[in-house]
Amino acid sequence: MTEDLPLKDRIALVVGASRGIGYEAALGLATAGAHVVAVARTQGGLEELDDAIFAATGRHATLIPFDLVDGGAIDRLGGALFERFGRLDIWVNAAATLGAEGLSPVSHADLRQFAKIEKTNLTAVYRLIRSLEPLLKASDAARVIHLTTSLASAPKAFWGAYAATKAGAEVLMKCWADEIETLPIRVAVLDPGRMRTAMRAQAYPAEDPETLPNPSEIVPLIVDLARPDREPPLTIRFKDWRGAGGHA
């Protein structure tokens, strides 16, 4: 391991890799030496990511396009990664959705949209844990970085479906982290805060995106949390890390 390539030869899965924080995380992990396995719904977004990774590193990523509402595809993911790599060293879980209708009062939420939000934000996390845990166990120092939101602990009006499912996913991750504390797997639940993403723009269309941090700014923290030679905290906020001068 070298400081310029702290993740050399690590196998890194990024779920939600076609845009926003997931896209920048995948690019940053690849630049730090990892081989990236990128998962997202959109083939085009994954191909753009692969072009960026190849331009930066001279290596291609592994692209796996599917929708997280497809539970069977999640179940098959673990087996496919085992056949290809035999282990998983890093899992960044950056996928989430507000639903096509965006924010709404709880009593007005569309049933089908609510079900899709729940499957993407919560049930998919459970199925990913179940599918990926054997691969993570095969790593000498696996690192799981799960993106959460402050709404999970401080919910607000009109965010009901998103806040409830993200809160459930955060609790699920923390319970799992406690269960596997004797294994060489460490979980970091990361709150990025307000950031210049498509989801933020969907929720706040009148907000000036230039007033928000670019998703690329959180990449050094994600790379640091993914390092096998450092012990990550269970919970961390990007705002606190940046305020501490880039120290977890």
C-alpha atoms as a PDB file:
ATOM      1  CA  MET A   1       0.000   0.000   0.000  1.00  0.00           C
ATOM      2  CA  THR A   2       1.230   3.468  -0.891  1.00  0.00           C
ATOM      3  CA  GLU A   3      -0.154   6.824   0.135  1.00  0.00           C
ATOM      4  CA  ASP A   4      -0.857   7.805  -3.463  1.00  0.00           C
ATOM      5  CA  LEU A   5      -2.769   4.520  -3.977  1.00  0.00           C
ATOM      6  CA  PRO A   6      -4.118   3.692  -0.500  1.00  0.00           C
ATOM      7  CA  LEU A   7      -6.728   1.318  -1.954  1.00  0.00           C
ATOM      8  CA  LYS A   8      -4.490  -0.497  -4.432  1.00  0.00           C
ATOM      9  CA  ASP A   9      -6.031  -3.800  -5.574  1.00  0.00           C
ATOM     10  CA  ARG A  10      -9.060  -3.462  -3.279  1.00  0.00           C
ATOM     11  CA  ILE A  11     -12.420  -4.566  -4.725  1.00  0.00           C
ATOM     12  CA  ALA A  12     -14.984  -1.795  -4.221  1.00  0.00           C
ATOM     13  CA  LEU A  13     -18.712  -2.021  -4.900  1.00  0.00           C
ATOM     14  CA  VAL A  14     -20.547   1.287  -5.273  1.00  0.00           C
ATOM     15  CA  VAL A  15     -24.344   1.055  -5.307  1.00  0.00           C
ATOM     16  CA  GLY A  16     -25.958   4.130  -6.823  1.00  0.00           C
ATOM     17  CA  ALA A  17     -22.898   4.943  -8.912  1.00  0.00           C
ATOM     18  CA  SER A  18     -24.361   6.688 -11.953  1.00  0.00           C
ATOM     19  CA  ARG A  19     -24.600  10.194 -10.519  1.00  0.00           C
ATOM     20  CA  GLY A  20     -24.066  12.439  -7.504  1.00  0.00           C
ATOM     21  CA  ILE A  21     -22.124  11.193  -4.509  1.00  0.00           C
ATOM     22  CA  GLY A  22     -22.073   7.611  -5.786  1.00  0.00           C
ATOM     23  CA  TYR A  23     -20.525   8.668  -9.095  1.00  0.00           C
ATOM     24  CA  GLU A  24     -17.834  10.771  -7.428  1.00  0.00           C
ATOM     25  CA  ALA A  25     -17.159   8.064  -4.836  1.00  0.00           C
ATOM     26  CA  ALA A  26     -16.666   5.448  -7.545  1.00  0.00           C
ATOM     27  CA  LEU A  27     -14.288   7.701  -9.451  1.00  0.00           C
ATOM     28  CA  GLY A  28     -12.385   8.572  -6.277  1.00  0.00           C
ATOM     29  CA  LEU A  29     -12.041   4.946  -5.145  1.00  0.00           C
ATOM     30  CA  ALA A  30     -10.753   3.972  -8.581  1.00  0.00           C
ATOM     31  CA  THR A  31      -8.251   6.826  -8.553  1.00  0.00           C
ATOM     32  CA  ALA A  32      -7.078   5.584  -5.142  1.00  0.00           C
ATOM     33  CA  GLY A  33      -6.274   2.189  -6.667  1.00  0.00           C
ATOM     34  CA  ALA A  34      -9.447   0.139  -6.188  1.00  0.00           C
ATOM     35  CA  HIS A  35     -11.175  -1.889  -8.853  1.00  0.00           C
ATOM     36  CA  VAL A  36     -14.704  -0.495  -8.894  1.00  0.00           C
ATOM     37  CA  VAL A  37     -17.850  -2.527  -9.411  1.00  0.00           C
ATOM     38  CA  ALA A  38     -20.531   0.035 -10.225  1.00  0.00           C
ATOM     39  CA  VAL A  39     -24.257  -0.607  -9.789  1.00  0.00           C
ATOM     40  CA  ALA A  40     -27.046   1.726 -10.920  1.00  0.00           C
ATOM     41  CA  ARG A  41     -30.282   1.691 -12.876  1.00  0.00           C
ATOM     42  CA  THR A  42     -29.023   3.537 -15.937  1.00  0.00           C
ATOM     43  CA  GLN A  43     -26.620   1.903 -18.376  1.00  0.00           C
ATOM     44  CA  GLY A  44     -25.744   5.284 -19.898  1.00  0.00           C
ATOM     45  CA  GLY A  45     -24.759   6.777 -16.556  1.00  0.00           C
ATOM     46  CA  LEU A  46     -22.580   3.769 -15.777  1.00  0.00           C
ATOM     47  CA  GLU A  47     -20.863   4.021 -19.145  1.00  0.00           C
ATOM     48  CA  GLU A  48     -20.100   7.696 -18.541  1.00  0.00           C
ATOM     49  CA  LEU A  49     -18.599   6.727 -15.183  1.00  0.00           C
ATOM     50  CA  ASP A  50     -16.497   4.021 -16.816  1.00  0.00           C
ATOM     51  CA  ASP A  51     -15.197   6.525 -19.371  1.00  0.00           C
ATOM     52  CA  ALA A  52     -14.182   8.867 -16.531  1.00  0.00           C
ATOM     53  CA  ILE A  53     -12.498   6.062 -14.584  1.00  0.00           C
ATOM     54  CA  PHE A  54     -10.592   4.884 -17.660  1.00  0.00           C
ATOM     55  CA  ALA A  55      -9.478   8.432 -18.442  1.00  0.00           C
ATOM     56  CA  ALA A  56      -8.205   8.868 -14.872  1.00  0.00           C
ATOM     57  CA  THR A  57      -6.630   5.442 -14.313  1.00  0.00           C
ATOM     58  CA  GLY A  58      -6.265   3.574 -17.594  1.00  0.00           C
ATOM     59  CA  ARG A  59      -8.456   0.808 -16.137  1.00  0.00           C
ATOM     60  CA  HIS A  60     -12.098  -0.048 -16.677  1.00  0.00           C
ATOM     61  CA  ALA A  61     -14.731  -0.591 -14.005  1.00  0.00           C
ATOM     62  CA  THR A  62     -17.115  -3.534 -13.830  1.00  0.00           C
ATOM     63  CA  LEU A  63     -20.618  -2.285 -14.670  1.00  0.00           C
ATOM     64  CA  ILE A  64     -23.771  -3.984 -13.380  1.00  0.00           C
ATOM     65  CA  PRO A  65     -26.979  -2.166 -14.358  1.00  0.00           C
ATOM     66  CA  PHE A  66     -30.149  -3.080 -12.455  1.00  0.00           C
ATOM     67  CA  ASP A  67     -32.885  -1.506 -10.357  1.00  0.00           C
ATOM     68  CA  LEU A  68     -32.737  -2.087  -6.598  1.00  0.00           C
ATOM     69  CA  VAL A  69     -36.442  -2.881  -6.551  1.00  0.00           C
ATOM     70  CA  ASP A  70     -35.413  -6.149  -8.243  1.00  0.00           C
ATOM     71  CA  GLY A  71     -34.721  -8.250  -5.179  1.00  0.00           C
ATOM     72  CA  GLY A  72     -33.717 -11.263  -7.235  1.00  0.00           C
ATOM     73  CA  ALA A  73     -30.993  -9.250  -8.943  1.00  0.00           C
ATOM     74  CA  ILE A  74     -29.611  -8.230  -5.537  1.00  0.00           C
ATOM     75  CA  ASP A  75     -29.601 -11.855  -4.434  1.00  0.00           C
ATOM     76  CA  ARG A  76     -27.700 -12.852  -7.587  1.00  0.00           C
ATOM     77  CA  LEU A  77     -25.171 -10.034  -7.163  1.00  0.00           C
ATOM     78  CA  GLY A  78     -23.295 -11.736  -4.335  1.00  0.00           C
ATOM     79  CA  GLY A  79     -22.856 -14.944  -6.311  1.00  0.00           C
ATOM     80  CA  ALA A  80     -21.680 -13.093  -9.402  1.00  0.00           C
ATOM     81  CA  LEU A  81     -19.096 -11.119  -7.417  1.00  0.00           C
ATOM     82  CA  PHE A  82     -17.893 -14.289  -5.698  1.00  0.00           C
ATOM     83  CA  GLU A  83     -17.327 -16.017  -9.043  1.00  0.00           C
ATOM     84  CA  ARG A  84     -15.442 -12.999 -10.403  1.00  0.00           C
ATOM     85  CA  PHE A  85     -13.471 -11.783  -7.380  1.00  0.00           C
ATOM     86  CA  GLY A  86     -13.955 -14.180  -4.456  1.00  0.00           C
ATOM     87  CA  ARG A  87     -14.227 -11.320  -1.973  1.00  0.00           C
ATOM     88  CA  LEU A  88     -15.398  -7.738  -1.459  1.00  0.00           C
ATOM     89  CA  ASP A  89     -13.233  -5.174   0.363  1.00  0.00           C
ATOM     90  CA  ILE A  90     -15.369  -2.015   0.135  1.00  0.00           C
ATOM     91  CA  TRP A  91     -19.099  -1.419  -0.197  1.00  0.00           C
ATOM     92  CA  VAL A  92     -20.362   2.137  -0.616  1.00  0.00           C
ATOM     93  CA  ASN A  93     -24.151   2.287  -0.389  1.00  0.00           C
ATOM     94  CA  ALA A  94     -25.137   5.577  -2.005  1.00  0.00           C
ATOM     95  CA  ALA A  95     -28.456   4.662  -3.649  1.00  0.00           C
ATOM     96  CA  ALA A  96     -31.690   6.274  -2.474  1.00  0.00           C
ATOM     97  CA  THR A  97     -34.831   7.803  -3.937  1.00  0.00           C
ATOM     98  CA  LEU A  98     -37.452  10.415  -3.077  1.00  0.00           C
ATOM     99  CA  GLY A  99     -39.859   8.811  -5.511  1.00  0.00           C
ATOM    100  CA  ALA A 100     -41.078  10.249  -8.790  1.00  0.00           C
ATOM    101  CA  GLU A 101     -43.513  12.591  -7.039  1.00  0.00           C
ATOM    102  CA  GLY A 102     -40.928  14.032  -4.669  1.00  0.00           C
ATOM    103  CA  LEU A 103     -42.061  15.435  -1.326  1.00  0.00           C
ATOM    104  CA  SER A 104     -45.657  15.062  -0.178  1.00  0.00           C
ATOM    105  CA  PRO A 105     -47.764  14.947   2.986  1.00  0.00           C
ATOM    106  CA  VAL A 106     -47.775  11.486   4.534  1.00  0.00           C
ATOM    107  CA  SER A 107     -51.528  11.106   4.070  1.00  0.00           C
ATOM    108  CA  HIS A 108     -51.253  11.973   0.362  1.00  0.00           C
ATOM    109  CA  ALA A 109     -48.406   9.616  -0.514  1.00  0.00           C
ATOM    110  CA  ASP A 110     -49.065   7.444  -3.548  1.00  0.00           C
ATOM    111  CA  LEU A 111     -49.160   3.779  -2.536  1.00  0.00           C
ATOM    112  CA  ARG A 112     -47.075   2.546  -5.448  1.00  0.00           C
ATOM    113  CA  GLN A 113     -44.508   5.300  -5.020  1.00  0.00           C
ATOM    114  CA  PHE A 114     -44.296   4.626  -1.292  1.00  0.00           C
ATOM    115  CA  ALA A 115     -43.684   0.952  -1.985  1.00  0.00           C
ATOM    116  CA  LYS A 116     -40.895   1.789  -4.456  1.00  0.00           C
ATOM    117  CA  ILE A 117     -39.244   4.176  -1.987  1.00  0.00           C
ATOM    118  CA  GLU A 118     -39.400   1.516   0.715  1.00  0.00           C
ATOM    119  CA  LYS A 119     -37.925  -1.171  -1.545  1.00  0.00           C
ATOM    120  CA  THR A 120     -35.085   1.078  -2.720  1.00  0.00           C
ATOM    121  CA  ASN A 121     -34.166   2.793   0.537  1.00  0.00           C
ATOM    122  CA  LEU A 122     -34.804   0.028   3.079  1.00  0.00           C
ATOM    123  CA  THR A 123     -35.528  -3.471   1.796  1.00  0.00           C
ATOM    124  CA  ALA A 124     -32.667  -3.259  -0.712  1.00  0.00           C
ATOM    125  CA  VAL A 125     -30.270  -2.521   2.149  1.00  0.00           C
ATOM    126  CA  TYR A 126     -31.351  -5.694   3.951  1.00  0.00           C
ATOM    127  CA  ARG A 127     -31.037  -7.755   0.785  1.00  0.00           C
ATOM    128  CA  LEU A 128     -27.627  -6.267  -0.008  1.00  0.00           C
ATOM    129  CA  ILE A 129     -26.355  -7.074   3.485  1.00  0.00           C
ATOM    130  CA  ARG A 130     -27.585 -10.648   3.107  1.00  0.00           C
ATOM    131  CA  SER A 131     -26.070 -11.005  -0.370  1.00  0.00           C
ATOM    132  CA  LEU A 132     -22.730  -9.340   0.344  1.00  0.00           C
ATOM    133  CA  GLU A 133     -21.845 -10.427   3.879  1.00  0.00           C
ATOM    134  CA  PRO A 134     -20.086 -13.673   2.821  1.00  0.00           C
ATOM    135  CA  LEU A 135     -17.923 -11.686   0.384  1.00  0.00           C
ATOM    136  CA  LEU A 136     -17.086  -9.072   3.003  1.00  0.00           C
ATOM    137  CA  LYS A 137     -16.120 -11.832   5.433  1.00  0.00           C
ATOM    138  CA  ALA A 138     -13.572 -13.042   2.876  1.00  0.00           C
ATOM    139  CA  SER A 139     -11.745  -9.683   3.004  1.00  0.00           C
ATOM    140  CA  ASP A 140      -8.907  -9.032   5.416  1.00  0.00           C
ATOM    141  CA  ALA A 141     -10.365  -5.612   6.326  1.00  0.00           C
ATOM    142  CA  ALA A 142     -13.737  -4.912   4.750  1.00  0.00           C
ATOM    143  CA  ARG A 143     -15.196  -1.413   4.927  1.00  0.00           C
ATOM    144  CA  VAL A 144     -18.881  -0.550   4.463  1.00  0.00           C
ATOM    145  CA  ILE A 145     -19.838   3.102   3.973  1.00  0.00           C
ATOM    146  CA  HIS A 146     -23.563   3.736   4.137  1.00  0.00           C
ATOM    147  CA  LEU A 147     -24.914   7.186   3.264  1.00  0.00           C
ATOM    148  CA  THR A 148     -27.638   8.402   5.580  1.00  0.00           C
ATOM    149  CA  THR A 149     -29.409  11.714   6.217  1.00  0.00           C
ATOM    150  CA  SER A 150     -30.044  13.993   9.185  1.00  0.00           C
ATOM    151  CA  LEU A 151     -33.747  13.440   8.485  1.00  0.00           C
ATOM    152  CA  ALA A 152     -33.343   9.930   9.876  1.00  0.00           C
ATOM    153  CA  SER A 153     -33.013  11.420  13.373  1.00  0.00           C
ATOM    154  CA  ALA A 154     -34.654  14.835  12.845  1.00  0.00           C
ATOM    155  CA  PRO A 155     -37.588  14.276  10.457  1.00  0.00           C
ATOM    156  CA  LYS A 156     -39.512  17.167   8.916  1.00  0.00           C
ATOM    157  CA  ALA A 157     -42.877  17.704   7.268  1.00  0.00           C
ATOM    158  CA  PHE A 158     -43.343  16.266   3.759  1.00  0.00           C
ATOM    159  CA  TRP A 159     -40.284  14.020   4.015  1.00  0.00           C
ATOM    160  CA  GLY A 160     -42.227  11.091   5.538  1.00  0.00           C
ATOM    161  CA  ALA A 161     -41.491   8.236   3.118  1.00  0.00           C
ATOM    162  CA  TYR A 162     -37.868   9.203   2.578  1.00  0.00           C
ATOM    163  CA  ALA A 163     -37.098   9.969   6.224  1.00  0.00           C
ATOM    164  CA  ALA A 164     -38.805   6.834   7.544  1.00  0.00           C
ATOM    165  CA  THR A 165     -37.073   4.483   5.115  1.00  0.00           C
ATOM    166  CA  LYS A 166     -33.669   6.110   5.564  1.00  0.00           C
ATOM    167  CA  ALA A 167     -34.081   5.925   9.345  1.00  0.00           C
ATOM    168  CA  GLY A 168     -34.909   2.244   9.053  1.00  0.00           C
ATOM    169  CA  ALA A 169     -31.860   1.638   6.860  1.00  0.00           C
ATOM    170  CA  GLU A 170     -29.581   3.453   9.308  1.00  0.00           C
ATOM    171  CA  VAL A 171     -30.854   1.383  12.216  1.00  0.00           C
ATOM    172  CA  LEU A 172     -30.475  -1.792  10.163  1.00  0.00           C
ATOM    173  CA  MET A 173     -26.862  -0.923   9.372  1.00  0.00           C
ATOM    174  CA  LYS A 174     -26.052  -0.162  13.001  1.00  0.00           C
ATOM    175  CA  CYS A 175     -27.648  -3.393  14.212  1.00  0.00           C
ATOM    176  CA  TRP A 176     -25.652  -5.329  11.632  1.00  0.00           C
ATOM    177  CA  ALA A 177     -22.458  -3.510  12.616  1.00  0.00           C
ATOM    178  CA  ASP A 178     -22.997  -4.626  16.209  1.00  0.00           C
ATOM    179  CA  GLU A 179     -23.604  -8.214  15.113  1.00  0.00           C
ATOM    180  CA  ILE A 180     -20.357  -8.423  13.128  1.00  0.00           C
ATOM    181  CA  GLU A 181     -18.066  -6.555  15.522  1.00  0.00           C
ATOM    182  CA  THR A 182     -15.833  -9.633  15.944  1.00  0.00           C
ATOM    183  CA  LEU A 183     -15.372  -9.972  12.164  1.00  0.00           C
ATOM    184  CA  PRO A 184     -12.915  -8.008   9.993  1.00  0.00           C
ATOM    185  CA  ILE A 185     -15.776  -5.799   8.721  1.00  0.00           C
ATOM    186  CA  ARG A 186     -16.318  -2.217   9.813  1.00  0.00           C
ATOM    187  CA  VAL A 187     -19.356  -0.080   9.038  1.00  0.00           C
ATOM    188  CA  ALA A 188     -19.353   3.722   8.787  1.00  0.00           C
ATOM    189  CA  VAL A 189     -22.710   5.503   8.595  1.00  0.00           C
ATOM    190  CA  LEU A 190     -21.951   8.763   6.804  1.00  0.00           C
ATOM    191  CA  ASP A 191     -24.204  11.840   6.732  1.00  0.00           C
ATOM    192  CA  PRO A 192     -23.147  14.015   3.777  1.00  0.00           C
ATOM    193  CA  GLY A 193     -25.479  16.868   4.731  1.00  0.00           C
ATOM    194  CA  ARG A 194     -26.696  19.328   2.110  1.00  0.00           C
ATOM    195  CA  MET A 195     -24.959  18.649  -1.176  1.00  0.00           C
ATOM    196  CA  ARG A 196     -25.278  19.571  -4.850  1.00  0.00           C
ATOM    197  CA  THR A 197     -27.134  16.485  -6.098  1.00  0.00           C
ATOM    198  CA  ALA A 198     -30.097  15.770  -8.340  1.00  0.00           C
ATOM    199  CA  MET A 199     -32.101  14.577  -5.337  1.00  0.00           C
ATOM    200  CA  ARG A 200     -31.455  17.840  -3.515  1.00  0.00           C
ATOM    201  CA  ALA A 201     -32.560  19.764  -6.611  1.00  0.00           C
ATOM    202  CA  GLN A 202     -35.724  17.658  -6.807  1.00  0.00           C
ATOM    203  CA  ALA A 203     -36.590  18.497  -3.203  1.00  0.00           C
ATOM    204  CA  TYR A 204     -35.545  22.175  -3.381  1.00  0.00           C
ATOM    205  CA  PRO A 205     -35.922  23.330  -7.008  1.00  0.00           C
ATOM    206  CA  ALA A 206     -35.603  27.023  -6.104  1.00  0.00           C
ATOM    207  CA  GLU A 207     -32.315  26.566  -4.222  1.00  0.00           C
ATOM    208  CA  ASP A 208     -29.119  27.878  -5.802  1.00  0.00           C
ATOM    209  CA  PRO A 209     -26.932  24.770  -6.270  1.00  0.00           C
ATOM    210  CA  GLU A 210     -23.791  26.913  -6.264  1.00  0.00           C
ATOM    211  CA  THR A 211     -24.333  27.503  -2.532  1.00  0.00           C
ATOM    212  CA  LEU A 212     -23.901  23.770  -1.831  1.00  0.00           C
ATOM    213  CA  PRO A 213     -20.772  21.597  -1.692  1.00  0.00           C
ATOM    214  CA  ASN A 214     -20.003  19.618  -4.831  1.00  0.00           C
ATOM    215  CA  PRO A 215     -20.220  15.833  -4.280  1.00  0.00           C
ATOM    216  CA  SER A 216     -16.545  15.563  -5.216  1.00  0.00           C
ATOM    217  CA  GLU A 217     -15.679  17.331  -1.940  1.00  0.00           C
ATOM    218  CA  ILE A 218     -16.730  14.320   0.144  1.00  0.00           C
ATOM    219  CA  VAL A 219     -14.548  11.871  -1.805  1.00  0.00           C
ATOM    220  CA  PRO A 220     -11.389  12.227   0.342  1.00  0.00           C
ATOM    221  CA  LEU A 221     -13.470  11.300   3.394  1.00  0.00           C
ATOM    222  CA  ILE A 222     -14.960   8.253   1.660  1.00  0.00           C
ATOM    223  CA  VAL A 223     -11.516   7.097   0.539  1.00  0.00           C
ATOM    224  CA  ASP A 224     -10.218   7.569   4.078  1.00  0.00           C
ATOM    225  CA  LEU A 225     -13.107   5.546   5.544  1.00  0.00           C
ATOM    226  CA  ALA A 226     -12.422   2.766   3.021  1.00  0.00           C
ATOM    227  CA  ARG A 227      -8.758   2.324   3.920  1.00  0.00           C
ATOM    228  CA  PRO A 228      -7.909  -1.098   5.365  1.00  0.00           C
ATOM    229  CA  ASP A 229      -5.214   0.329   7.631  1.00  0.00           C
ATOM    230  CA  ARG A 230      -7.530   2.683   9.526  1.00  0.00           C
ATOM    231  CA  GLU A 231     -10.443   2.058  11.868  1.00  0.00           C
ATOM    232  CA  PRO A 232     -13.459   4.107  10.763  1.00  0.00           C
ATOM    233  CA  PRO A 233     -16.002   5.543  13.213  1.00  0.00           C
ATOM    234  CA  LEU A 234     -19.497   4.058  13.218  1.00  0.00           C
ATOM    235  CA  THR A 235     -21.083   7.447  12.543  1.00  0.00           C
ATOM    236  CA  ILE A 236     -19.617  10.549  10.971  1.00  0.00           C
ATOM    237  CA  ARG A 237     -20.890  13.777   9.417  1.00  0.00           C
ATOM    238  CA  PHE A 238     -19.150  15.378   6.472  1.00  0.00           C
ATOM    239  CA  LYS A 239     -19.680  18.774   8.089  1.00  0.00           C
ATOM    240  CA  ASP A 240     -17.788  17.704  11.211  1.00  0.00           C
ATOM    241  CA  TRP A 241     -14.976  16.086   9.214  1.00  0.00           C
ATOM    242  CA  ARG A 242     -14.508  19.207   7.127  1.00  0.00           C
ATOM    243  CA  GLY A 243     -14.661  21.375  10.228  1.00  0.00           C
ATOM    244  CA  ALA A 244     -11.909  19.281  11.801  1.00  0.00           C
ATOM    245  CA  GLY A 245      -9.643  19.927   8.829  1.00  0.00           C
ATOM    246  CA  GLY A 246     -10.257  16.609   7.139  1.00  0.00           C
ATOM    247  CA  HIS A 247      -9.712  14.288  10.095  1.00  0.00           C
ATOM    248  CA  ALA A 248     -12.215  11.575  11.020  1.00  0.00           C
END
